[in-house]
C-alpha atoms as a PDB file:
ATOM      1  CA  MET A   1      15.507   5.978  11.715  1.00  0.00           C
ATOM      2  CA  SER A   2      12.214   7.774  11.658  1.00  0.00           C
ATOM      3  CA  MET A   3       8.980   6.141  10.582  1.00  0.00           C
ATOM      4  CA  THR A   4       9.123   8.283   7.308  1.00  0.00           C
ATOM      5  CA  GLN A   5      12.694   7.119   6.620  1.00  0.00           C
ATOM      6  CA  GLN A   6      11.755   3.409   7.348  1.00  0.00           C
ATOM      7  CA  PHE A   7       8.656   3.883   4.927  1.00  0.00           C
ATOM      8  CA  GLU A   8      10.911   5.262   2.186  1.00  0.00           C
ATOM      9  CA  ASP A   9      13.494   2.530   2.775  1.00  0.00           C
ATOM     10  CA  ALA A  10      10.573  -0.103   2.491  1.00  0.00           C
ATOM     11  CA  GLN A  11       9.567   1.483  -0.743  1.00  0.00           C
ATOM     12  CA  ALA A  12      12.959   1.005  -2.212  1.00  0.00           C
ATOM     13  CA  ARG A  13      13.228  -2.659  -0.932  1.00  0.00           C
ATOM     14  CA  VAL A  14       9.930  -3.563  -2.420  1.00  0.00           C
ATOM     15  CA  LYS A  15      11.211  -2.823  -5.907  1.00  0.00           C
ATOM     16  CA  ARG A  16      14.139  -5.276  -5.262  1.00  0.00           C
ATOM     17  CA  LEU A  17      11.945  -8.382  -4.125  1.00  0.00           C
ATOM     18  CA  THR A  18      13.273 -11.555  -5.824  1.00  0.00           C
ATOM     19  CA  THR A  19       9.827 -13.059  -6.333  1.00  0.00           C
ATOM     20  CA  SER A  20       6.732 -11.158  -7.470  1.00  0.00           C
ATOM     21  CA  PRO A  21       4.012 -10.692  -4.728  1.00  0.00           C
ATOM     22  CA  SER A  22       0.557 -12.217  -5.210  1.00  0.00           C
ATOM     23  CA  ASN A  23      -2.272  -9.845  -6.604  1.00  0.00           C
ATOM     24  CA  ALA A  24      -3.693  -9.797  -3.077  1.00  0.00           C
ATOM     25  CA  ASP A  25      -0.357  -8.700  -1.539  1.00  0.00           C
ATOM     26  CA  LEU A  26       0.130  -6.030  -4.451  1.00  0.00           C
ATOM     27  CA  LEU A  27      -3.245  -4.534  -3.608  1.00  0.00           C
ATOM     28  CA  GLU A  28      -2.398  -4.446   0.120  1.00  0.00           C
ATOM     29  CA  LEU A  29       1.071  -2.879  -0.711  1.00  0.00           C
ATOM     30  CA  TYR A  30      -0.836  -0.224  -2.955  1.00  0.00           C
ATOM     31  CA  ALA A  31      -3.491   0.508  -0.261  1.00  0.00           C
ATOM     32  CA  LEU A  32      -1.066   0.896   2.604  1.00  0.00           C
ATOM     33  CA  TYR A  33       1.281   2.994   0.554  1.00  0.00           C
ATOM     34  CA  LYS A  34      -1.437   5.513  -0.580  1.00  0.00           C
ATOM     35  CA  GLN A  35      -2.871   5.562   2.978  1.00  0.00           C
ATOM     36  CA  GLY A  36       0.461   6.378   4.358  1.00  0.00           C
ATOM     37  CA  ALA A  37       1.590   8.787   1.706  1.00  0.00           C
ATOM     38  CA  VAL A  38      -1.591  10.547   0.874  1.00  0.00           C
ATOM     39  CA  GLY A  39      -4.254   9.745   3.548  1.00  0.00           C
ATOM     40  CA  ASP A  40      -7.738   8.631   3.005  1.00  0.00           C
ATOM     41  CA  VAL A  41      -8.996   7.795  -0.493  1.00  0.00           C
ATOM     42  CA  GLN A  42      -9.759  10.649  -2.865  1.00  0.00           C
ATOM     43  CA  GLY A  43     -11.764  10.958  -5.989  1.00  0.00           C
ATOM     44  CA  ASP A  44     -14.625   9.025  -7.485  1.00  0.00           C
ATOM     45  CA  ARG A  45     -14.779   5.206  -7.750  1.00  0.00           C
ATOM     46  CA  PRO A  46     -13.870   3.932 -11.151  1.00  0.00           C
ATOM     47  CA  GLY A  47     -16.449   2.481 -13.335  1.00  0.00           C
ATOM     48  CA  ARG A  48     -17.449  -1.138 -13.294  1.00  0.00           C
ATOM     49  CA  LEU A  49     -15.407  -2.028 -16.372  1.00  0.00           C
ATOM     50  CA  ASP A  50     -12.283  -0.477 -15.108  1.00  0.00           C
ATOM     51  CA  PHE A  51     -11.470  -3.656 -13.033  1.00  0.00           C
ATOM     52  CA  ARG A  52      -7.809  -2.750 -12.183  1.00  0.00           C
ATOM     53  CA  ASN A  53      -8.220   0.729 -11.049  1.00  0.00           C
ATOM     54  CA  ARG A  54     -11.452  -0.245  -9.159  1.00  0.00           C
ATOM     55  CA  ALA A  55      -9.788  -2.905  -7.305  1.00  0.00           C
ATOM     56  CA  LYS A  56      -7.106  -0.363  -6.408  1.00  0.00           C
ATOM     57  CA  TYR A  57      -9.498   2.144  -5.347  1.00  0.00           C
ATOM     58  CA  ASP A  58     -11.470  -0.362  -3.206  1.00  0.00           C
ATOM     59  CA  ALA A  59      -8.450  -1.643  -1.516  1.00  0.00           C
ATOM     60  CA  TRP A  60      -7.335   1.894  -0.511  1.00  0.00           C
ATOM     61  CA  ALA A  61     -10.829   2.823   0.560  1.00  0.00           C
ATOM     62  CA  ALA A  62     -10.729  -0.110   2.765  1.00  0.00           C
ATOM     63  CA  LYS A  63      -8.044   1.590   4.770  1.00  0.00           C
ATOM     64  CA  ARG A  64     -10.081   4.831   5.294  1.00  0.00           C
ATOM     65  CA  GLY A  65      -9.510   6.180   8.628  1.00  0.00           C
ATOM     66  CA  LEU A  66      -6.203   4.253   9.377  1.00  0.00           C
ATOM     67  CA  ALA A  67      -3.666   6.692  10.771  1.00  0.00           C
ATOM     68  CA  THR A  68      -0.717   7.616   8.492  1.00  0.00           C
ATOM     69  CA  ASP A  69       1.878   6.130  10.830  1.00  0.00           C
ATOM     70  CA  ALA A  70      -0.132   2.924  11.278  1.00  0.00           C
ATOM     71  CA  ALA A  71      -0.387   2.565   7.521  1.00  0.00           C
ATOM     72  CA  MET A  72       3.338   3.265   7.216  1.00  0.00           C
ATOM     73  CA  ALA A  73       4.106   0.653   9.827  1.00  0.00           C
ATOM     74  CA  GLN A  74       1.921  -2.014   8.296  1.00  0.00           C
ATOM     75  CA  TYR A  75       3.548  -1.369   4.880  1.00  0.00           C
ATOM     76  CA  ILE A  76       6.991  -1.787   6.398  1.00  0.00           C
ATOM     77  CA  ALA A  77       6.080  -5.001   8.140  1.00  0.00           C
ATOM     78  CA  LEU A  78       4.438  -6.313   4.892  1.00  0.00           C
ATOM     79  CA  VAL A  79       7.525  -5.549   3.082  1.00  0.00           C
ATOM     80  CA  GLN A  80       9.613  -7.302   5.634  1.00  0.00           C
ATOM     81  CA  ARG A  81       7.500 -10.355   5.297  1.00  0.00           C
ATOM     82  CA  LEU A  82       7.542 -10.519   1.535  1.00  0.00           C
ATOM     83  CA  GLY A  83      11.296 -10.134   1.513  1.00  0.00           C
ATOM     84  CA  ALA A  84      11.928 -12.799   4.159  1.00  0.00           C
END
């Protein structure tokens, strides 16, 4: 199975987790997904009062420069850890 297929499979599996991940894990999943699917962060950083979107943006920005395949591999590993 290719890395892209494994990444897509992990995306489907994360929706079927029996327990909800912690907020930190959710941010990590979001950041790794975006880095793997889109690449480096795009757009302007949300304003100070937009807490949720600012946290998501900052998590994604922290992955800046991480290769797409590496982000996909980390995402897959995190989903496997959360599903275990």
